[in-house]
C-alpha atoms as a PDB file:
ATOM      1  CA  UNK A   1     -27.080 -11.087 -88.471  1.00  0.00           C
ATOM      2  CA  UNK A   2     -25.137  -8.204 -86.888  1.00  0.00           C
ATOM      3  CA  UNK A   3     -25.576  -6.676 -83.484  1.00  0.00           C
ATOM      4  CA  UNK A   4     -25.756  -2.933 -83.118  1.00  0.00           C
ATOM      5  CA  UNK A   5     -22.649  -1.788 -81.141  1.00  0.00           C
ATOM      6  CA  UNK A   6     -24.737   0.905 -79.440  1.00  0.00           C
ATOM      7  CA  UNK A   7     -27.129  -1.714 -78.070  1.00  0.00           C
ATOM      8  CA  UNK A   8     -24.212  -3.739 -76.724  1.00  0.00           C
ATOM      9  CA  UNK A   9     -22.784  -0.671 -74.983  1.00  0.00           C
ATOM     10  CA  UNK A  10     -26.238   0.089 -73.564  1.00  0.00           C
ATOM     11  CA  UNK A  11     -26.624  -3.460 -72.243  1.00  0.00           C
ATOM     12  CA  UNK A  12     -23.141  -3.477 -70.695  1.00  0.00           C
ATOM     13  CA  UNK A  13     -23.763  -0.079 -69.097  1.00  0.00           C
ATOM     14  CA  UNK A  14     -26.947  -1.401 -67.472  1.00  0.00           C
ATOM     15  CA  UNK A  15     -25.183  -4.593 -66.409  1.00  0.00           C
ATOM     16  CA  UNK A  16     -22.296  -2.730 -64.802  1.00  0.00           C
ATOM     17  CA  UNK A  17     -24.696  -0.325 -63.105  1.00  0.00           C
ATOM     18  CA  UNK A  18     -26.616  -3.261 -61.657  1.00  0.00           C
ATOM     19  CA  UNK A  19     -23.457  -4.891 -60.315  1.00  0.00           C
ATOM     20  CA  UNK A  20     -22.329  -1.625 -58.719  1.00  0.00           C
ATOM     21  CA  UNK A  21     -25.736  -1.183 -57.058  1.00  0.00           C
ATOM     22  CA  UNK A  22     -25.651  -4.831 -55.965  1.00  0.00           C
ATOM     23  CA  UNK A  23     -22.401  -4.246 -54.070  1.00  0.00           C
ATOM     24  CA  UNK A  24     -24.086  -1.610 -51.900  1.00  0.00           C
ATOM     25  CA  UNK A  25     -27.206  -3.764 -51.518  1.00  0.00           C
ATOM     26  CA  UNK A  26     -24.942  -6.538 -50.252  1.00  0.00           C
ATOM     27  CA  UNK A  27     -23.491  -4.347 -47.524  1.00  0.00           C
ATOM     28  CA  UNK A  28     -26.921  -3.234 -46.311  1.00  0.00           C
ATOM     29  CA  UNK A  29     -28.314  -6.765 -46.440  1.00  0.00           C
ATOM     30  CA  UNK A  30     -25.401  -8.096 -44.386  1.00  0.00           C
ATOM     31  CA  UNK A  31     -26.336  -5.698 -41.590  1.00  0.00           C
ATOM     32  CA  UNK A  32     -29.790  -7.303 -41.652  1.00  0.00           C
ATOM     33  CA  UNK A  33     -28.439 -10.860 -41.733  1.00  0.00           C
ATOM     34  CA  UNK A  34     -25.937 -10.156 -38.936  1.00  0.00           C
ATOM     35  CA  UNK A  35     -28.738  -9.457 -36.463  1.00  0.00           C
ATOM     36  CA  UNK A  36     -30.847 -12.375 -37.649  1.00  0.00           C
ATOM     37  CA  UNK A  37     -28.050 -14.940 -37.513  1.00  0.00           C
ATOM     38  CA  UNK A  38     -27.048 -13.928 -33.998  1.00  0.00           C
ATOM     39  CA  UNK A  39     -30.464 -13.612 -32.359  1.00  0.00           C
ATOM     40  CA  UNK A  40     -33.106 -14.805 -34.883  1.00  0.00           C
ATOM     41  CA  UNK A  41     -34.430 -11.251 -34.663  1.00  0.00           C
ATOM     42  CA  UNK A  42     -35.727  -9.558 -37.837  1.00  0.00           C
ATOM     43  CA  UNK A  43     -34.692  -5.908 -37.880  1.00  0.00           C
ATOM     44  CA  UNK A  44     -37.434  -4.048 -39.740  1.00  0.00           C
ATOM     45  CA  UNK A  45     -35.719  -0.742 -38.935  1.00  0.00           C
ATOM     46  CA  UNK A  46     -32.705  -1.398 -41.171  1.00  0.00           C
ATOM     47  CA  UNK A  47     -33.766   1.270 -43.681  1.00  0.00           C
ATOM     48  CA  UNK A  48     -34.123   3.860 -40.930  1.00  0.00           C
ATOM     49  CA  UNK A  49     -30.712   2.864 -39.527  1.00  0.00           C
ATOM     50  CA  UNK A  50     -29.148   3.477 -42.944  1.00  0.00           C
ATOM     51  CA  UNK A  51     -30.979   6.803 -43.227  1.00  0.00           C
ATOM     52  CA  UNK A  52     -29.930   7.907 -39.741  1.00  0.00           C
ATOM     53  CA  UNK A  53     -26.312   6.984 -40.425  1.00  0.00           C
ATOM     54  CA  UNK A  54     -26.341   8.979 -43.670  1.00  0.00           C
ATOM     55  CA  UNK A  55     -27.861  12.017 -41.951  1.00  0.00           C
ATOM     56  CA  UNK A  56     -25.297  11.846 -39.154  1.00  0.00           C
ATOM     57  CA  UNK A  57     -22.491  11.694 -41.704  1.00  0.00           C
ATOM     58  CA  UNK A  58     -23.965  14.695 -43.520  1.00  0.00           C
ATOM     59  CA  UNK A  59     -24.084  16.545 -40.222  1.00  0.00           C
ATOM     60  CA  UNK A  60     -20.445  15.712 -39.574  1.00  0.00           C
ATOM     61  CA  UNK A  61     -19.434  16.903 -43.037  1.00  0.00           C
ATOM     62  CA  UNK A  62     -21.450  20.132 -43.238  1.00  0.00           C
ATOM     63  CA  UNK A  63     -22.246  21.216 -39.683  1.00  0.00           C
ATOM     64  CA  UNK A  64     -19.104  20.047 -37.885  1.00  0.00           C
ATOM     65  CA  UNK A  65     -16.651  20.487 -40.747  1.00  0.00           C
ATOM     66  CA  UNK A  66     -15.115  17.026 -40.312  1.00  0.00           C
ATOM     67  CA  UNK A  67     -14.788  16.178 -44.000  1.00  0.00           C
ATOM     68  CA  UNK A  68     -16.039  12.999 -45.629  1.00  0.00           C
ATOM     69  CA  UNK A  69     -13.837  10.572 -43.688  1.00  0.00           C
ATOM     70  CA  UNK A  70     -14.325  12.378 -40.388  1.00  0.00           C
ATOM     71  CA  UNK A  71     -18.077  12.668 -40.930  1.00  0.00           C
ATOM     72  CA  UNK A  72     -18.302   8.953 -41.717  1.00  0.00           C
ATOM     73  CA  UNK A  73     -16.324   8.060 -38.587  1.00  0.00           C
ATOM     74  CA  UNK A  74     -18.556  10.373 -36.556  1.00  0.00           C
ATOM     75  CA  UNK A  75     -21.634   8.602 -37.918  1.00  0.00           C
ATOM     76  CA  UNK A  76     -20.117   5.171 -37.218  1.00  0.00           C
ATOM     77  CA  UNK A  77     -19.357   6.062 -33.587  1.00  0.00           C
ATOM     78  CA  UNK A  78     -22.815   7.520 -32.931  1.00  0.00           C
ATOM     79  CA  UNK A  79     -24.605   4.627 -34.661  1.00  0.00           C
ATOM     80  CA  UNK A  80     -22.521   2.081 -32.735  1.00  0.00           C
ATOM     81  CA  UNK A  81     -23.456   3.852 -29.488  1.00  0.00           C
ATOM     82  CA  UNK A  82     -27.123   3.844 -30.466  1.00  0.00           C
ATOM     83  CA  UNK A  83     -26.897   0.147 -31.275  1.00  0.00           C
ATOM     84  CA  UNK A  84     -25.364  -0.586 -27.879  1.00  0.00           C
ATOM     85  CA  UNK A  85     -28.033   1.494 -26.130  1.00  0.00           C
ATOM     86  CA  UNK A  86     -30.866  -0.229 -27.997  1.00  0.00           C
ATOM     87  CA  UNK A  87     -29.426  -3.636 -27.157  1.00  0.00           C
ATOM     88  CA  UNK A  88     -29.062  -2.797 -23.473  1.00  0.00           C
ATOM     89  CA  UNK A  89     -32.442  -1.120 -23.080  1.00  0.00           C
ATOM     90  CA  UNK A  90     -34.614  -3.328 -25.289  1.00  0.00           C
ATOM     91  CA  UNK A  91     -33.073  -6.366 -26.978  1.00  0.00           C
ATOM     92  CA  UNK A  92     -31.479  -7.825 -23.868  1.00  0.00           C
ATOM     93  CA  UNK A  93     -34.844  -7.874 -22.126  1.00  0.00           C
ATOM     94  CA  UNK A  94     -36.887  -9.169 -25.040  1.00  0.00           C
ATOM     95  CA  UNK A  95     -34.571 -11.548 -26.886  1.00  0.00           C
ATOM     96  CA  UNK A  96     -36.154 -14.605 -25.275  1.00  0.00           C
ATOM     97  CA  UNK A  97     -39.691 -13.300 -25.757  1.00  0.00           C
ATOM     98  CA  UNK A  98     -42.220 -14.053 -28.510  1.00  0.00           C
ATOM     99  CA  UNK A  99     -41.171 -13.346 -32.081  1.00  0.00           C
ATOM    100  CA  UNK A 100     -44.017 -10.852 -32.563  1.00  0.00           C
ATOM    101  CA  UNK A 101     -42.603  -8.751 -29.712  1.00  0.00           C
ATOM    102  CA  UNK A 102     -39.228  -8.495 -31.406  1.00  0.00           C
ATOM    103  CA  UNK A 103     -40.869  -7.589 -34.713  1.00  0.00           C
ATOM    104  CA  UNK A 104     -42.980  -4.851 -33.145  1.00  0.00           C
ATOM    105  CA  UNK A 105     -40.052  -3.358 -31.251  1.00  0.00           C
ATOM    106  CA  UNK A 106     -37.999  -2.934 -34.432  1.00  0.00           C
ATOM    107  CA  UNK A 107     -41.007  -1.382 -36.179  1.00  0.00           C
ATOM    108  CA  UNK A 108     -41.255   1.008 -33.243  1.00  0.00           C
ATOM    109  CA  UNK A 109     -37.544   1.755 -33.499  1.00  0.00           C
ATOM    110  CA  UNK A 110     -37.958   2.609 -37.178  1.00  0.00           C
ATOM    111  CA  UNK A 111     -40.857   4.977 -36.440  1.00  0.00           C
ATOM    112  CA  UNK A 112     -38.871   6.617 -33.643  1.00  0.00           C
ATOM    113  CA  UNK A 113     -35.848   7.128 -35.886  1.00  0.00           C
ATOM    114  CA  UNK A 114     -37.977   8.603 -38.687  1.00  0.00           C
ATOM    115  CA  UNK A 115     -39.626  11.066 -36.319  1.00  0.00           C
ATOM    116  CA  UNK A 116     -36.393  11.888 -34.541  1.00  0.00           C
ATOM    117  CA  UNK A 117     -34.556  12.453 -37.810  1.00  0.00           C
ATOM    118  CA  UNK A 118     -37.206  14.942 -38.955  1.00  0.00           C
ATOM    119  CA  UNK A 119     -36.596  16.958 -35.779  1.00  0.00           C
ATOM    120  CA  UNK A 120     -32.813  16.655 -35.523  1.00  0.00           C
ATOM    121  CA  UNK A 121     -31.772  17.053 -39.156  1.00  0.00           C
ATOM    122  CA  UNK A 122     -34.454  19.326 -40.596  1.00  0.00           C
ATOM    123  CA  UNK A 123     -32.070  22.227 -41.328  1.00  0.00           C
ATOM    124  CA  UNK A 124     -28.802  20.357 -41.845  1.00  0.00           C
ATOM    125  CA  UNK A 125     -27.479  19.846 -45.414  1.00  0.00           C
ATOM    126  CA  UNK A 126     -27.109  16.123 -45.981  1.00  0.00           C
ATOM    127  CA  UNK A 127     -25.643  15.808 -49.489  1.00  0.00           C
ATOM    128  CA  UNK A 128     -22.389  13.812 -49.616  1.00  0.00           C
ATOM    129  CA  UNK A 129     -20.139  13.433 -52.648  1.00  0.00           C
ATOM    130  CA  UNK A 130     -16.866  11.733 -53.410  1.00  0.00           C
ATOM    131  CA  UNK A 131     -14.115  14.098 -54.484  1.00  0.00           C
ATOM    132  CA  UNK A 132     -13.792  12.523 -57.900  1.00  0.00           C
ATOM    133  CA  UNK A 133     -14.066  13.651 -61.490  1.00  0.00           C
ATOM    134  CA  UNK A 134     -17.611  13.592 -62.845  1.00  0.00           C
ATOM    135  CA  UNK A 135     -16.421  12.338 -66.233  1.00  0.00           C
ATOM    136  CA  UNK A 136     -17.249   8.657 -66.786  1.00  0.00           C
ATOM    137  CA  UNK A 137     -14.477   6.097 -66.939  1.00  0.00           C
ATOM    138  CA  UNK A 138     -14.411   4.487 -70.375  1.00  0.00           C
ATOM    139  CA  UNK A 139     -13.729   0.738 -70.385  1.00  0.00           C
ATOM    140  CA  UNK A 140     -13.652  -0.574 -73.970  1.00  0.00           C
ATOM    141  CA  UNK A 141     -16.135   2.083 -74.960  1.00  0.00           C
ATOM    142  CA  UNK A 142     -18.490   1.422 -72.029  1.00  0.00           C
ATOM    143  CA  UNK A 143     -18.976   4.417 -69.693  1.00  0.00           C
ATOM    144  CA  UNK A 144     -18.677   3.638 -65.985  1.00  0.00           C
ATOM    145  CA  UNK A 145     -19.701   6.339 -63.473  1.00  0.00           C
ATOM    146  CA  UNK A 146     -16.741   7.031 -61.141  1.00  0.00           C
ATOM    147  CA  UNK A 147     -18.849   7.831 -58.070  1.00  0.00           C
ATOM    148  CA  UNK A 148     -20.751   4.537 -58.297  1.00  0.00           C
ATOM    149  CA  UNK A 149     -17.513   2.656 -58.947  1.00  0.00           C
ATOM    150  CA  UNK A 150     -15.837   4.215 -55.917  1.00  0.00           C
ATOM    151  CA  UNK A 151     -18.841   3.509 -53.694  1.00  0.00           C
ATOM    152  CA  UNK A 152     -19.030  -0.103 -54.934  1.00  0.00           C
ATOM    153  CA  UNK A 153     -15.318  -0.669 -54.285  1.00  0.00           C
ATOM    154  CA  UNK A 154     -15.663   0.637 -50.732  1.00  0.00           C
ATOM    155  CA  UNK A 155     -18.754  -1.518 -50.201  1.00  0.00           C
ATOM    156  CA  UNK A 156     -16.938  -4.580 -51.568  1.00  0.00           C
ATOM    157  CA  UNK A 157     -14.000  -3.938 -49.245  1.00  0.00           C
ATOM    158  CA  UNK A 158     -16.337  -3.657 -46.248  1.00  0.00           C
ATOM    159  CA  UNK A 159     -18.131  -6.868 -47.257  1.00  0.00           C
ATOM    160  CA  UNK A 160     -14.776  -8.681 -47.520  1.00  0.00           C
ATOM    161  CA  UNK A 161     -13.808  -7.498 -44.016  1.00  0.00           C
ATOM    162  CA  UNK A 162     -17.183  -8.629 -42.679  1.00  0.00           C
ATOM    163  CA  UNK A 163     -16.883 -12.091 -44.230  1.00  0.00           C
ATOM    164  CA  UNK A 164     -13.337 -12.464 -42.911  1.00  0.00           C
ATOM    165  CA  UNK A 165     -14.435 -11.364 -39.440  1.00  0.00           C
ATOM    166  CA  UNK A 166     -17.417 -13.705 -39.410  1.00  0.00           C
ATOM    167  CA  UNK A 167     -15.586 -16.737 -40.794  1.00  0.00           C
ATOM    168  CA  UNK A 168     -12.064 -16.428 -39.375  1.00  0.00           C
ATOM    169  CA  UNK A 169     -12.050 -14.645 -36.020  1.00  0.00           C
ATOM    170  CA  UNK A 170     -12.854 -16.124 -32.604  1.00  0.00           C
ATOM    171  CA  UNK A 171     -15.653 -13.607 -32.157  1.00  0.00           C
ATOM    172  CA  UNK A 172     -17.133 -14.565 -35.510  1.00  0.00           C
ATOM    173  CA  UNK A 173     -16.972 -18.242 -34.600  1.00  0.00           C
ATOM    174  CA  UNK A 174     -18.718 -17.451 -31.311  1.00  0.00           C
ATOM    175  CA  UNK A 175     -21.466 -15.617 -33.190  1.00  0.00           C
ATOM    176  CA  UNK A 176     -21.914 -18.607 -35.482  1.00  0.00           C
ATOM    177  CA  UNK A 177     -22.100 -20.907 -32.457  1.00  0.00           C
ATOM    178  CA  UNK A 178     -24.801 -18.716 -30.894  1.00  0.00           C
ATOM    179  CA  UNK A 179     -26.707 -18.838 -34.172  1.00  0.00           C
ATOM    180  CA  UNK A 180     -26.521 -22.637 -34.417  1.00  0.00           C
ATOM    181  CA  UNK A 181     -27.468 -23.402 -30.808  1.00  0.00           C
ATOM    182  CA  UNK A 182     -27.660 -20.630 -28.232  1.00  0.00           C
ATOM    183  CA  UNK A 183     -28.028 -22.972 -25.259  1.00  0.00           C
ATOM    184  CA  UNK A 184     -24.997 -25.019 -26.290  1.00  0.00           C
ATOM    185  CA  UNK A 185     -23.004 -21.828 -26.833  1.00  0.00           C
ATOM    186  CA  UNK A 186     -23.905 -20.615 -23.346  1.00  0.00           C
ATOM    187  CA  UNK A 187     -22.879 -23.986 -21.914  1.00  0.00           C
ATOM    188  CA  UNK A 188     -19.387 -23.580 -23.420  1.00  0.00           C
ATOM    189  CA  UNK A 189     -18.927 -20.199 -21.730  1.00  0.00           C
ATOM    190  CA  UNK A 190     -19.820 -17.841 -24.579  1.00  0.00           C
ATOM    191  CA  UNK A 191     -21.324 -14.605 -23.262  1.00  0.00           C
ATOM    192  CA  UNK A 192     -24.364 -14.238 -25.517  1.00  0.00           C
ATOM    193  CA  UNK A 193     -25.374 -10.821 -24.177  1.00  0.00           C
ATOM    194  CA  UNK A 194     -21.925  -9.369 -24.853  1.00  0.00           C
ATOM    195  CA  UNK A 195     -21.986 -10.743 -28.377  1.00  0.00           C
ATOM    196  CA  UNK A 196     -25.503  -9.400 -28.980  1.00  0.00           C
ATOM    197  CA  UNK A 197     -24.216  -5.972 -27.963  1.00  0.00           C
ATOM    198  CA  UNK A 198     -21.348  -6.338 -30.428  1.00  0.00           C
ATOM    199  CA  UNK A 199     -23.783  -7.346 -33.178  1.00  0.00           C
ATOM    200  CA  UNK A 200     -25.896  -4.226 -32.695  1.00  0.00           C
ATOM    201  CA  UNK A 201     -22.805  -2.021 -32.570  1.00  0.00           C
ATOM    202  CA  UNK A 202     -21.560  -3.559 -35.829  1.00  0.00           C
ATOM    203  CA  UNK A 203     -25.013  -3.112 -37.341  1.00  0.00           C
ATOM    204  CA  UNK A 204     -24.812   0.566 -36.497  1.00  0.00           C
ATOM    205  CA  UNK A 205     -21.364   0.904 -38.084  1.00  0.00           C
ATOM    206  CA  UNK A 206     -22.373  -0.977 -41.248  1.00  0.00           C
ATOM    207  CA  UNK A 207     -25.570   1.077 -41.508  1.00  0.00           C
ATOM    208  CA  UNK A 208     -23.606   4.330 -41.295  1.00  0.00           C
ATOM    209  CA  UNK A 209     -21.145   3.294 -44.001  1.00  0.00           C
ATOM    210  CA  UNK A 210     -23.928   1.950 -46.217  1.00  0.00           C
ATOM    211  CA  UNK A 211     -25.907   5.161 -45.719  1.00  0.00           C
ATOM    212  CA  UNK A 212     -22.956   7.283 -46.845  1.00  0.00           C
ATOM    213  CA  UNK A 213     -22.390   5.105 -49.918  1.00  0.00           C
ATOM    214  CA  UNK A 214     -26.074   5.069 -50.845  1.00  0.00           C
ATOM    215  CA  UNK A 215     -26.227   8.858 -50.479  1.00  0.00           C
ATOM    216  CA  UNK A 216     -23.256   9.220 -52.817  1.00  0.00           C
ATOM    217  CA  UNK A 217     -24.916   7.022 -55.430  1.00  0.00           C
ATOM    218  CA  UNK A 218     -28.638   7.804 -55.132  1.00  0.00           C
ATOM    219  CA  UNK A 219     -28.892  11.136 -53.308  1.00  0.00           C
ATOM    220  CA  UNK A 220     -29.536  12.230 -49.744  1.00  0.00           C
ATOM    221  CA  UNK A 221     -32.540  13.005 -47.587  1.00  0.00           C
ATOM    222  CA  UNK A 222     -35.114  11.142 -45.551  1.00  0.00           C
ATOM    223  CA  UNK A 223     -35.995   8.995 -48.573  1.00  0.00           C
ATOM    224  CA  UNK A 224     -32.813   6.997 -47.948  1.00  0.00           C
ATOM    225  CA  UNK A 225     -34.884   4.923 -45.514  1.00  0.00           C
ATOM    226  CA  UNK A 226     -36.704   3.411 -48.500  1.00  0.00           C
ATOM    227  CA  UNK A 227     -33.594   1.386 -49.314  1.00  0.00           C
ATOM    228  CA  UNK A 228     -34.700  -0.883 -46.488  1.00  0.00           C
ATOM    229  CA  UNK A 229     -37.602  -1.999 -48.673  1.00  0.00           C
ATOM    230  CA  UNK A 230     -35.077  -3.283 -51.220  1.00  0.00           C
ATOM    231  CA  UNK A 231     -33.254  -5.332 -48.589  1.00  0.00           C
ATOM    232  CA  UNK A 232     -36.129  -7.590 -47.530  1.00  0.00           C
ATOM    233  CA  UNK A 233     -36.542  -9.315 -50.918  1.00  0.00           C
ATOM    234  CA  UNK A 234     -32.774  -9.766 -51.095  1.00  0.00           C
ATOM    235  CA  UNK A 235     -32.451 -11.553 -47.761  1.00  0.00           C
ATOM    236  CA  UNK A 236     -35.510 -13.740 -48.404  1.00  0.00           C
ATOM    237  CA  UNK A 237     -34.355 -14.707 -51.899  1.00  0.00           C
ATOM    238  CA  UNK A 238     -30.792 -15.381 -50.761  1.00  0.00           C
ATOM    239  CA  UNK A 239     -31.723 -17.044 -47.487  1.00  0.00           C
ATOM    240  CA  UNK A 240     -32.106 -15.329 -44.128  1.00  0.00           C
ATOM    241  CA  UNK A 241     -29.252 -17.267 -42.564  1.00  0.00           C
ATOM    242  CA  UNK A 242     -26.869 -17.359 -45.539  1.00  0.00           C
ATOM    243  CA  UNK A 243     -24.152 -14.748 -46.081  1.00  0.00           C
ATOM    244  CA  UNK A 244     -23.265 -16.186 -49.501  1.00  0.00           C
ATOM    245  CA  UNK A 245     -26.925 -16.317 -50.478  1.00  0.00           C
ATOM    246  CA  UNK A 246     -27.404 -12.647 -49.604  1.00  0.00           C
ATOM    247  CA  UNK A 247     -24.376 -11.675 -51.699  1.00  0.00           C
ATOM    248  CA  UNK A 248     -25.691 -13.610 -54.712  1.00  0.00           C
ATOM    249  CA  UNK A 249     -29.237 -12.281 -54.305  1.00  0.00           C
ATOM    250  CA  UNK A 250     -28.036  -8.681 -53.947  1.00  0.00           C
ATOM    251  CA  UNK A 251     -26.110  -8.888 -57.213  1.00  0.00           C
ATOM    252  CA  UNK A 252     -29.061 -10.606 -58.911  1.00  0.00           C
ATOM    253  CA  UNK A 253     -31.539  -7.959 -57.761  1.00  0.00           C
ATOM    254  CA  UNK A 254     -29.193  -5.120 -58.678  1.00  0.00           C
ATOM    255  CA  UNK A 255     -28.702  -6.432 -62.216  1.00  0.00           C
ATOM    256  CA  UNK A 256     -32.378  -7.265 -62.809  1.00  0.00           C
ATOM    257  CA  UNK A 257     -33.483  -3.866 -61.492  1.00  0.00           C
ATOM    258  CA  UNK A 258     -31.034  -2.106 -63.801  1.00  0.00           C
ATOM    259  CA  UNK A 259     -31.980  -4.161 -66.860  1.00  0.00           C
ATOM    260  CA  UNK A 260     -35.677  -3.773 -66.093  1.00  0.00           C
ATOM    261  CA  UNK A 261     -35.329   0.007 -65.785  1.00  0.00           C
ATOM    262  CA  UNK A 262     -33.451   0.141 -69.097  1.00  0.00           C
ATOM    263  CA  UNK A 263     -35.520  -2.240 -71.221  1.00  0.00           C
ATOM    264  CA  UNK A 264     -38.958  -2.588 -69.625  1.00  0.00           C
ATOM    265  CA  UNK A 265     -39.662   0.834 -68.107  1.00  0.00           C
ATOM    266  CA  UNK A 266     -39.783   2.584 -71.524  1.00  0.00           C
ATOM    267  CA  UNK A 267     -42.720   0.325 -72.497  1.00  0.00           C
ATOM    268  CA  UNK A 268     -44.560  -0.203 -69.199  1.00  0.00           C
ATOM    269  CA  UNK A 269     -43.731   3.098 -67.542  1.00  0.00           C
ATOM    270  CA  UNK A 270     -41.293   3.984 -64.791  1.00  0.00           C
ATOM    271  CA  UNK A 271     -41.361   1.735 -61.775  1.00  0.00           C
ATOM    272  CA  UNK A 272     -40.935  -1.814 -63.070  1.00  0.00           C
ATOM    273  CA  UNK A 273     -37.311  -1.860 -61.985  1.00  0.00           C
ATOM    274  CA  UNK A 274     -38.473  -1.137 -58.440  1.00  0.00           C
ATOM    275  CA  UNK A 275     -41.088  -3.900 -58.244  1.00  0.00           C
ATOM    276  CA  UNK A 276     -39.216  -6.678 -60.025  1.00  0.00           C
ATOM    277  CA  UNK A 277     -37.482  -7.692 -56.778  1.00  0.00           C
ATOM    278  CA  UNK A 278     -40.890  -8.288 -55.182  1.00  0.00           C
ATOM    279  CA  UNK A 279     -42.015 -10.364 -58.147  1.00  0.00           C
ATOM    280  CA  UNK A 280     -38.910 -12.504 -57.640  1.00  0.00           C
ATOM    281  CA  UNK A 281     -39.677 -12.642 -53.919  1.00  0.00           C
ATOM    282  CA  UNK A 282     -43.175 -13.998 -54.554  1.00  0.00           C
ATOM    283  CA  UNK A 283     -41.800 -16.603 -56.948  1.00  0.00           C
ATOM    284  CA  UNK A 284     -39.123 -17.656 -54.454  1.00  0.00           C
ATOM    285  CA  UNK A 285     -41.660 -18.002 -51.622  1.00  0.00           C
ATOM    286  CA  UNK A 286     -43.738 -20.279 -53.826  1.00  0.00           C
ATOM    287  CA  UNK A 287     -40.849 -22.450 -55.004  1.00  0.00           C
ATOM    288  CA  UNK A 288     -38.253 -22.352 -52.230  1.00  0.00           C
ATOM    289  CA  UNK A 289     -39.501 -20.493 -49.121  1.00  0.00           C
ATOM    290  CA  UNK A 290     -36.168 -20.665 -47.283  1.00  0.00           C
ATOM    291  CA  UNK A 291     -34.240 -18.994 -50.131  1.00  0.00           C
ATOM    292  CA  UNK A 292     -31.574 -20.001 -52.612  1.00  0.00           C
ATOM    293  CA  UNK A 293     -28.940 -20.831 -49.997  1.00  0.00           C
ATOM    294  CA  UNK A 294     -31.040 -20.925 -46.839  1.00  0.00           C
ATOM    295  CA  UNK A 295     -31.380 -24.035 -44.771  1.00  0.00           C
ATOM    296  CA  UNK A 296     -34.812 -25.665 -44.516  1.00  0.00           C
ATOM    297  CA  UNK A 297     -36.156 -25.844 -40.981  1.00  0.00           C
ATOM    298  CA  UNK A 298     -35.142 -28.938 -39.085  1.00  0.00           C
ATOM    299  CA  UNK A 299     -38.016 -31.339 -38.466  1.00  0.00           C
ATOM    300  CA  UNK A 300     -37.811 -33.920 -35.682  1.00  0.00           C
ATOM    301  CA  UNK A 301     -39.180 -37.293 -36.697  1.00  0.00           C
END
């Protein structure tokens, strides 16, 4: 029995495309996990943060003439400032409140950012591209899109910096201590409010970078906010409090989405690749509600 070389190339192309998409999913999901691990707060506005960062970068590139790097830095600075302002005005006052309050405030933030973006960026071109050749890179006969490869490499580099920061620096250790036991962390002299502010500033920076990368790969516009819907299954499947779990789940979702779009969509119609992550989410909630690498809730006996 022989295997058609064309089918192998097709499979490898889908597999590589899924891995490249998974790298960007990982970066976005880490912005979600960063907030949750520090404050147990679920940020339902993560998609809007990514969208807003992408639109700011597009404004920097096209309206301000800053170029891709300058526009990205501009977006990072503005998003970090917005994160600090949101923390000071809202999170700091509500972080000890009921969980439903924190959920509703992030939903309100998302609605505010969607409405504000429609007013602020209605006439600003938002397309962003890497200055790279459009010809695919051939690796043993398998075509690899250069723009997706470049975006995935940048995302992987940012993820590596994040993991190093979280695992190796004093600030990262302090954030982990706050996550494990906030009262004990306060008793040792850790300033929780200052670290919460840092978390929201970092979330803004990561969202801006992720928004630029997603725009390069998938296109620009207000629809970028929909990427937030892809993040929630990833963090639940991987584990809300697990960085490693999120990385594994992001790669898994990226690959399954790509394979589903290539093999299943032609028979069932377009869209299966988009819903497969939610099918996995339902299965995970039934079998292991705290995720692949998440920790089960502690029960006092």
